[in-house]
Amino acid sequence: MKTFKLDEIEKIKTGFKEPEGYFDDFALRLQQKIELSKPKRKRYLSINQRRVIYIAAIFIIAFGVAFIQYSKAPNYAASNEIIENYLAANSHLTDEDWANLLDENDIQKIEVKMNLNNQEIEDILASEENFEKYITD
C-alpha cells in the first residue's frame, strides 16, 4: 500500500475566506459580547433583611417544636380511685407530713366551711361508734 502524506496531497478550496484582521481582535470582541449578554444579578433582599428572616424562621421553628412537644405531653388527670390507692399505699405519712407537702392554695381548696353549733357536733360524735378516737386526736 502506498504511504499517505498529508503535506503532499492537493488542498481543496472551500470558497470561504476570512476578512483581514478578523482573528487579531477576535478574543476581545467575544469577551465583550459575553459580558453584554450576561444578565445582571439582582439582590432582592439585603444582608440585614436576610438575617432578620433567618432569625424569625429560627424562632418559628423553635416555638413550633415546643408546641408539638407540649401537645404530645400526657395529661395526668388523677381520678378518685388513683388518689385513694396512693393514700392507702402511703398510710405511714402523718397529718403533719401531708400538711408540709401542701402549699397554702391547696389547703384553702381542701378547707370545708361548716356552720355547726356545739349541739350538732355532740350529736354527730354520739352517733359514731369510735367517737373517743376523734376526741383524743
N, C-alpha and C. Protein backbone atom coordinates (compact mmCIF):
# COMPACT_ATOMS: atom_id res chain seq x y z
N MET A 1 0.81 -1.17 0.00
CA MET A 1 0.00 0.00 0.00
C MET A 1 0.86 1.25 0.00
N LYS A 2 0.33 2.22 -0.60
CA LYS A 2 1.05 3.46 -0.77
C LYS A 2 0.95 4.28 0.50
N THR A 3 2.04 4.92 0.92
CA THR A 3 2.01 5.75 2.13
C THR A 3 1.28 7.05 1.85
N PHE A 4 0.55 7.49 2.87
CA PHE A 4 -0.25 8.70 2.74
C PHE A 4 0.47 9.83 3.44
N LYS A 5 0.72 10.92 2.73
CA LYS A 5 1.37 12.08 3.31
C LYS A 5 0.45 13.27 3.14
N LEU A 6 0.12 13.86 4.25
CA LEU A 6 -0.85 14.95 4.28
C LEU A 6 -0.33 16.19 3.56
N ASP A 7 0.94 16.44 3.67
CA ASP A 7 1.51 17.65 3.05
C ASP A 7 1.58 17.55 1.53
N GLU A 8 1.56 16.39 1.01
CA GLU A 8 1.75 16.23 -0.42
C GLU A 8 0.44 16.20 -1.20
N ILE A 9 -0.70 16.06 -0.52
CA ILE A 9 -1.94 15.99 -1.28
C ILE A 9 -2.41 17.39 -1.66
N GLU A 10 -3.20 17.44 -2.64
CA GLU A 10 -3.70 18.71 -3.14
C GLU A 10 -4.80 19.23 -2.21
N LYS A 11 -4.74 20.47 -1.86
CA LYS A 11 -5.69 21.08 -0.95
C LYS A 11 -6.95 21.48 -1.70
N ILE A 12 -8.09 21.24 -1.07
CA ILE A 12 -9.37 21.58 -1.65
C ILE A 12 -9.77 22.95 -1.12
N LYS A 13 -10.13 23.82 -1.99
CA LYS A 13 -10.54 25.16 -1.58
C LYS A 13 -12.02 25.13 -1.24
N THR A 14 -12.39 25.75 -0.08
CA THR A 14 -13.77 25.73 0.38
C THR A 14 -14.58 26.86 -0.23
N GLY A 15 -13.97 27.90 -0.61
CA GLY A 15 -14.69 29.03 -1.15
C GLY A 15 -14.94 30.11 -0.08
N PHE A 16 -14.62 29.81 1.12
CA PHE A 16 -14.79 30.79 2.21
C PHE A 16 -13.46 31.45 2.50
N LYS A 17 -13.53 32.75 2.82
CA LYS A 17 -12.32 33.48 3.13
C LYS A 17 -12.62 34.41 4.30
N GLU A 18 -11.73 34.45 5.33
CA GLU A 18 -11.96 35.32 6.48
C GLU A 18 -11.49 36.72 6.14
N PRO A 19 -12.18 37.71 6.74
CA PRO A 19 -11.79 39.10 6.49
C PRO A 19 -10.41 39.39 7.07
N GLU A 20 -9.83 40.44 6.58
CA GLU A 20 -8.50 40.86 7.04
C GLU A 20 -8.54 41.23 8.52
N GLY A 21 -7.65 40.69 9.36
CA GLY A 21 -7.53 41.03 10.77
C GLY A 21 -8.68 40.49 11.63
N TYR A 22 -9.44 39.54 11.12
CA TYR A 22 -10.60 39.01 11.86
C TYR A 22 -10.18 38.31 13.16
N PHE A 23 -9.15 37.50 13.09
CA PHE A 23 -8.72 36.76 14.28
C PHE A 23 -7.77 37.54 15.17
N ASP A 24 -7.36 38.75 14.75
CA ASP A 24 -6.46 39.56 15.58
C ASP A 24 -7.16 40.04 16.85
N ASP A 25 -8.38 40.55 16.73
CA ASP A 25 -9.11 41.05 17.90
C ASP A 25 -10.35 40.20 18.21
N PHE A 26 -10.34 38.96 17.75
CA PHE A 26 -11.49 38.06 17.96
C PHE A 26 -11.75 37.81 19.45
N ALA A 27 -10.72 37.56 20.25
CA ALA A 27 -10.89 37.27 21.68
C ALA A 27 -11.51 38.46 22.42
N LEU A 28 -11.08 39.65 22.07
CA LEU A 28 -11.60 40.85 22.72
C LEU A 28 -13.08 41.06 22.38
N ARG A 29 -13.44 40.92 21.10
CA ARG A 29 -14.84 41.07 20.70
C ARG A 29 -15.73 40.00 21.35
N LEU A 30 -15.24 38.77 21.42
CA LEU A 30 -16.02 37.70 22.04
C LEU A 30 -16.25 37.98 23.52
N GLN A 31 -15.24 38.45 24.21
CA GLN A 31 -15.37 38.78 25.63
C GLN A 31 -16.40 39.89 25.84
N GLN A 32 -16.42 40.89 24.98
CA GLN A 32 -17.39 41.98 25.08
C GLN A 32 -18.82 41.47 24.88
N LYS A 33 -19.00 40.59 23.91
CA LYS A 33 -20.34 40.04 23.66
C LYS A 33 -20.82 39.20 24.83
N ILE A 34 -19.92 38.45 25.46
CA ILE A 34 -20.29 37.62 26.61
C ILE A 34 -20.73 38.50 27.77
N GLU A 35 -19.99 39.57 28.03
CA GLU A 35 -20.33 40.45 29.14
C GLU A 35 -21.64 41.20 28.89
N LEU A 36 -21.92 41.53 27.65
CA LEU A 36 -23.18 42.21 27.33
C LEU A 36 -24.37 41.26 27.48
N SER A 37 -24.16 40.01 27.19
CA SER A 37 -25.27 39.06 27.25
C SER A 37 -25.49 38.50 28.66
N LYS A 38 -24.57 38.73 29.60
CA LYS A 38 -24.75 38.24 30.97
C LYS A 38 -25.87 39.02 31.65
N PRO A 39 -26.83 38.30 32.25
CA PRO A 39 -27.87 39.03 33.00
C PRO A 39 -27.29 39.54 34.31
N LYS A 40 -27.69 40.74 34.65
CA LYS A 40 -27.25 41.33 35.91
C LYS A 40 -28.01 40.66 37.05
N ARG A 41 -27.29 40.27 38.08
CA ARG A 41 -27.90 39.62 39.23
C ARG A 41 -28.49 40.69 40.14
N LYS A 42 -29.78 40.55 40.38
CA LYS A 42 -30.46 41.50 41.26
C LYS A 42 -30.57 40.90 42.65
N ARG A 43 -30.27 41.70 43.62
CA ARG A 43 -30.44 41.27 45.01
C ARG A 43 -31.77 41.82 45.50
N TYR A 44 -32.63 40.90 45.80
CA TYR A 44 -33.96 41.31 46.25
C TYR A 44 -33.96 41.69 47.72
N LEU A 45 -33.12 41.04 48.51
CA LEU A 45 -33.06 41.32 49.94
C LEU A 45 -31.62 41.66 50.32
N SER A 46 -31.48 42.65 51.16
CA SER A 46 -30.14 42.98 51.63
C SER A 46 -29.72 41.96 52.69
N ILE A 47 -28.48 42.03 53.07
CA ILE A 47 -27.95 41.07 54.04
C ILE A 47 -28.66 41.21 55.39
N ASN A 48 -28.95 42.43 55.81
CA ASN A 48 -29.64 42.63 57.09
C ASN A 48 -31.06 42.06 57.05
N GLN A 49 -31.74 42.23 55.93
CA GLN A 49 -33.09 41.68 55.81
C GLN A 49 -33.04 40.16 55.85
N ARG A 50 -32.04 39.57 55.24
CA ARG A 50 -31.89 38.11 55.27
C ARG A 50 -31.67 37.63 56.70
N ARG A 51 -30.84 38.34 57.44
CA ARG A 51 -30.59 37.94 58.84
C ARG A 51 -31.87 37.97 59.65
N VAL A 52 -32.67 39.01 59.45
CA VAL A 52 -33.93 39.12 60.19
C VAL A 52 -34.85 37.96 59.83
N ILE A 53 -34.90 37.61 58.56
CA ILE A 53 -35.74 36.50 58.12
C ILE A 53 -35.23 35.19 58.70
N TYR A 54 -33.91 34.98 58.72
CA TYR A 54 -33.34 33.76 59.30
C TYR A 54 -33.67 33.65 60.79
N ILE A 55 -33.53 34.75 61.51
CA ILE A 55 -33.81 34.74 62.95
C ILE A 55 -35.30 34.47 63.20
N ALA A 56 -36.16 35.08 62.41
CA ALA A 56 -37.59 34.85 62.55
C ALA A 56 -37.93 33.39 62.25
N ALA A 57 -37.29 32.82 61.25
CA ALA A 57 -37.54 31.41 60.92
C ALA A 57 -37.09 30.50 62.06
N ILE A 58 -35.97 30.81 62.68
CA ILE A 58 -35.49 30.00 63.81
C ILE A 58 -36.48 30.06 64.96
N PHE A 59 -37.00 31.25 65.27
CA PHE A 59 -37.98 31.37 66.34
C PHE A 59 -39.26 30.61 66.02
N ILE A 60 -39.71 30.70 64.80
CA ILE A 60 -40.93 29.98 64.40
C ILE A 60 -40.73 28.48 64.54
N ILE A 61 -39.59 27.99 64.10
CA ILE A 61 -39.31 26.55 64.22
C ILE A 61 -39.21 26.14 65.68
N ALA A 62 -38.54 26.94 66.50
CA ALA A 62 -38.39 26.61 67.92
C ALA A 62 -39.74 26.57 68.63
N PHE A 63 -40.58 27.59 68.38
CA PHE A 63 -41.90 27.60 69.00
C PHE A 63 -42.77 26.47 68.47
N GLY A 64 -42.62 26.15 67.21
CA GLY A 64 -43.38 25.03 66.64
C GLY A 64 -43.01 23.72 67.29
N VAL A 65 -41.72 23.48 67.46
CA VAL A 65 -41.27 22.24 68.11
C VAL A 65 -41.75 22.20 69.55
N ALA A 66 -41.66 23.34 70.27
CA ALA A 66 -42.11 23.38 71.66
C ALA A 66 -43.62 23.12 71.75
N PHE A 67 -44.38 23.68 70.82
CA PHE A 67 -45.83 23.47 70.83
C PHE A 67 -46.18 22.02 70.57
N ILE A 68 -45.47 21.40 69.63
CA ILE A 68 -45.73 19.99 69.33
C ILE A 68 -45.39 19.12 70.53
N GLN A 69 -44.26 19.40 71.18
CA GLN A 69 -43.88 18.62 72.35
C GLN A 69 -44.90 18.82 73.48
N TYR A 70 -45.39 20.04 73.65
CA TYR A 70 -46.37 20.31 74.70
C TYR A 70 -47.69 19.60 74.41
N SER A 71 -48.09 19.60 73.15
CA SER A 71 -49.36 18.96 72.82
C SER A 71 -49.29 17.44 72.92
N LYS A 72 -48.09 16.87 72.78
CA LYS A 72 -47.93 15.42 72.90
C LYS A 72 -47.74 14.97 74.35
N ALA A 73 -47.55 15.91 75.28
CA ALA A 73 -47.31 15.56 76.68
C ALA A 73 -48.56 14.90 77.25
N PRO A 74 -48.37 13.81 77.99
CA PRO A 74 -49.55 13.12 78.55
C PRO A 74 -50.22 13.96 79.63
N ASN A 75 -51.50 13.83 79.71
CA ASN A 75 -52.28 14.56 80.70
C ASN A 75 -52.58 13.61 81.85
N TYR A 76 -52.01 13.91 82.99
CA TYR A 76 -52.18 13.05 84.16
C TYR A 76 -53.32 13.58 85.02
N ALA A 77 -54.52 13.26 84.66
CA ALA A 77 -55.67 13.65 85.45
C ALA A 77 -55.91 12.55 86.48
N ALA A 78 -55.85 12.93 87.73
CA ALA A 78 -55.98 11.95 88.80
C ALA A 78 -57.45 11.70 89.10
N SER A 79 -57.82 10.44 89.05
CA SER A 79 -59.20 10.09 89.41
C SER A 79 -59.25 9.81 90.91
N ASN A 80 -60.45 9.72 91.44
CA ASN A 80 -60.60 9.45 92.87
C ASN A 80 -59.99 8.10 93.25
N GLU A 81 -60.12 7.13 92.38
CA GLU A 81 -59.57 5.80 92.66
C GLU A 81 -58.05 5.84 92.77
N ILE A 82 -57.40 6.57 91.87
CA ILE A 82 -55.94 6.68 91.90
C ILE A 82 -55.49 7.37 93.19
N ILE A 83 -56.21 8.42 93.57
CA ILE A 83 -55.86 9.15 94.80
C ILE A 83 -56.05 8.26 96.02
N GLU A 84 -57.14 7.52 96.07
CA GLU A 84 -57.38 6.63 97.20
C GLU A 84 -56.31 5.54 97.29
N ASN A 85 -55.91 4.99 96.15
CA ASN A 85 -54.84 3.98 96.15
C ASN A 85 -53.52 4.56 96.63
N TYR A 86 -53.24 5.78 96.22
CA TYR A 86 -52.00 6.42 96.65
C TYR A 86 -52.01 6.67 98.15
N LEU A 87 -53.12 7.16 98.65
CA LEU A 87 -53.22 7.43 100.08
C LEU A 87 -53.13 6.13 100.89
N ALA A 88 -53.74 5.06 100.39
CA ALA A 88 -53.66 3.78 101.09
C ALA A 88 -52.23 3.24 101.08
N ALA A 89 -51.52 3.43 100.00
CA ALA A 89 -50.14 2.95 99.92
C ALA A 89 -49.21 3.77 100.80
N ASN A 90 -49.54 5.03 101.05
CA ASN A 90 -48.71 5.91 101.87
C ASN A 90 -49.38 6.19 103.21
N SER A 91 -49.87 5.17 103.83
CA SER A 91 -50.57 5.36 105.10
C SER A 91 -49.61 5.67 106.25
N HIS A 92 -48.33 5.49 106.03
CA HIS A 92 -47.36 5.78 107.09
C HIS A 92 -47.13 7.28 107.26
N LEU A 93 -47.60 8.12 106.32
CA LEU A 93 -47.42 9.56 106.43
C LEU A 93 -48.41 10.12 107.45
N THR A 94 -47.92 11.02 108.27
CA THR A 94 -48.78 11.65 109.29
C THR A 94 -49.46 12.88 108.70
N ASP A 95 -50.37 13.45 109.48
CA ASP A 95 -51.06 14.66 109.02
C ASP A 95 -50.08 15.81 108.83
N GLU A 96 -49.06 15.86 109.68
CA GLU A 96 -48.06 16.92 109.55
C GLU A 96 -47.27 16.76 108.26
N ASP A 97 -46.96 15.51 107.89
CA ASP A 97 -46.24 15.27 106.63
C ASP A 97 -47.08 15.75 105.45
N TRP A 98 -48.39 15.43 105.47
CA TRP A 98 -49.27 15.87 104.39
C TRP A 98 -49.37 17.39 104.36
N ALA A 99 -49.42 18.02 105.52
CA ALA A 99 -49.50 19.48 105.58
C ALA A 99 -48.24 20.12 105.02
N ASN A 100 -47.09 19.50 105.23
CA ASN A 100 -45.83 20.02 104.70
C ASN A 100 -45.78 19.87 103.17
N LEU A 101 -46.44 18.85 102.64
CA LEU A 101 -46.44 18.64 101.19
C LEU A 101 -47.35 19.62 100.45
N LEU A 102 -48.35 20.15 101.14
CA LEU A 102 -49.32 21.05 100.51
C LEU A 102 -48.92 22.49 100.73
N ASP A 103 -49.22 23.33 99.75
CA ASP A 103 -48.99 24.76 99.95
C ASP A 103 -50.30 25.43 100.38
N GLU A 104 -50.26 26.73 100.57
CA GLU A 104 -51.41 27.45 101.12
C GLU A 104 -52.63 27.37 100.21
N ASN A 105 -52.44 27.43 98.90
CA ASN A 105 -53.57 27.35 97.96
C ASN A 105 -54.24 25.99 98.04
N ASP A 106 -53.44 24.92 98.15
CA ASP A 106 -54.02 23.58 98.24
C ASP A 106 -54.84 23.43 99.53
N ILE A 107 -54.31 23.97 100.60
CA ILE A 107 -55.02 23.87 101.88
C ILE A 107 -56.34 24.63 101.82
N GLN A 108 -56.34 25.80 101.17
CA GLN A 108 -57.58 26.57 101.05
C GLN A 108 -58.60 25.84 100.19
N LYS A 109 -58.16 25.08 99.19
CA LYS A 109 -59.09 24.32 98.35
C LYS A 109 -59.71 23.17 99.13
N ILE A 110 -58.93 22.59 100.04
CA ILE A 110 -59.41 21.45 100.83
C ILE A 110 -60.34 21.89 101.95
N GLU A 111 -60.12 23.08 102.46
CA GLU A 111 -60.85 23.55 103.63
C GLU A 111 -62.35 23.59 103.35
N VAL A 112 -63.11 23.01 104.26
CA VAL A 112 -64.57 22.97 104.14
C VAL A 112 -65.14 23.81 105.27
N LYS A 113 -66.02 24.71 104.91
CA LYS A 113 -66.62 25.57 105.93
C LYS A 113 -67.96 24.97 106.33
N MET A 114 -68.04 24.61 107.59
CA MET A 114 -69.28 24.03 108.13
C MET A 114 -69.73 24.92 109.29
N ASN A 115 -70.95 25.30 109.25
CA ASN A 115 -71.53 26.12 110.33
C ASN A 115 -72.31 25.20 111.27
N LEU A 116 -71.58 24.60 112.18
CA LEU A 116 -72.21 23.69 113.15
C LEU A 116 -72.09 24.29 114.54
N ASN A 117 -73.14 24.15 115.32
CA ASN A 117 -73.05 24.60 116.71
C ASN A 117 -72.64 23.41 117.58
N ASN A 118 -72.43 23.64 118.81
CA ASN A 118 -71.93 22.59 119.71
C ASN A 118 -72.89 21.40 119.81
N GLN A 119 -74.18 21.66 119.82
CA GLN A 119 -75.16 20.57 119.95
C GLN A 119 -75.09 19.64 118.74
N GLU A 120 -74.95 20.18 117.55
CA GLU A 120 -74.86 19.36 116.35
C GLU A 120 -73.58 18.51 116.36
N ILE A 121 -72.49 19.10 116.83
CA ILE A 121 -71.22 18.36 116.91
C ILE A 121 -71.35 17.20 117.89
N GLU A 122 -71.97 17.45 119.05
CA GLU A 122 -72.17 16.38 120.03
C GLU A 122 -73.05 15.27 119.48
N ASP A 123 -74.08 15.62 118.72
CA ASP A 123 -74.95 14.61 118.11
C ASP A 123 -74.19 13.75 117.11
N ILE A 124 -73.34 14.38 116.32
CA ILE A 124 -72.56 13.63 115.32
C ILE A 124 -71.59 12.69 116.01
N LEU A 125 -70.91 13.17 117.02
CA LEU A 125 -69.95 12.33 117.74
C LEU A 125 -70.66 11.19 118.49
N ALA A 126 -71.84 11.46 119.00
CA ALA A 126 -72.58 10.42 119.72
C ALA A 126 -73.04 9.32 118.78
N SER A 127 -73.30 9.67 117.52
CA SER A 127 -73.76 8.65 116.57
C SER A 127 -72.60 7.77 116.08
N GLU A 128 -71.38 8.20 116.25
CA GLU A 128 -70.22 7.41 115.84
C GLU A 128 -69.86 6.40 116.92
N GLU A 129 -69.42 5.24 116.49
CA GLU A 129 -69.03 4.21 117.44
C GLU A 129 -67.70 4.52 118.10
N ASN A 130 -66.76 5.04 117.32
CA ASN A 130 -65.42 5.31 117.85
C ASN A 130 -65.22 6.80 118.08
N PHE A 131 -66.13 7.46 118.76
CA PHE A 131 -66.03 8.89 118.95
C PHE A 131 -64.86 9.28 119.85
N GLU A 132 -64.41 8.35 120.69
CA GLU A 132 -63.28 8.65 121.57
C GLU A 132 -62.01 8.90 120.76
N LYS A 133 -61.90 8.24 119.61
CA LYS A 133 -60.73 8.44 118.73
C LYS A 133 -60.67 9.88 118.24
N TYR A 134 -61.84 10.48 117.88
CA TYR A 134 -61.87 11.85 117.40
C TYR A 134 -61.55 12.83 118.51
N ILE A 135 -61.94 12.51 119.72
CA ILE A 135 -61.72 13.42 120.85
C ILE A 135 -60.24 13.41 121.24
N THR A 136 -59.61 12.26 121.23
CA THR A 136 -58.22 12.17 121.68
C THR A 136 -57.24 12.66 120.62
N ASP A 137 -57.60 12.59 119.36
CA ASP A 137 -56.70 13.07 118.30
C ASP A 137 -56.81 14.55 118.26
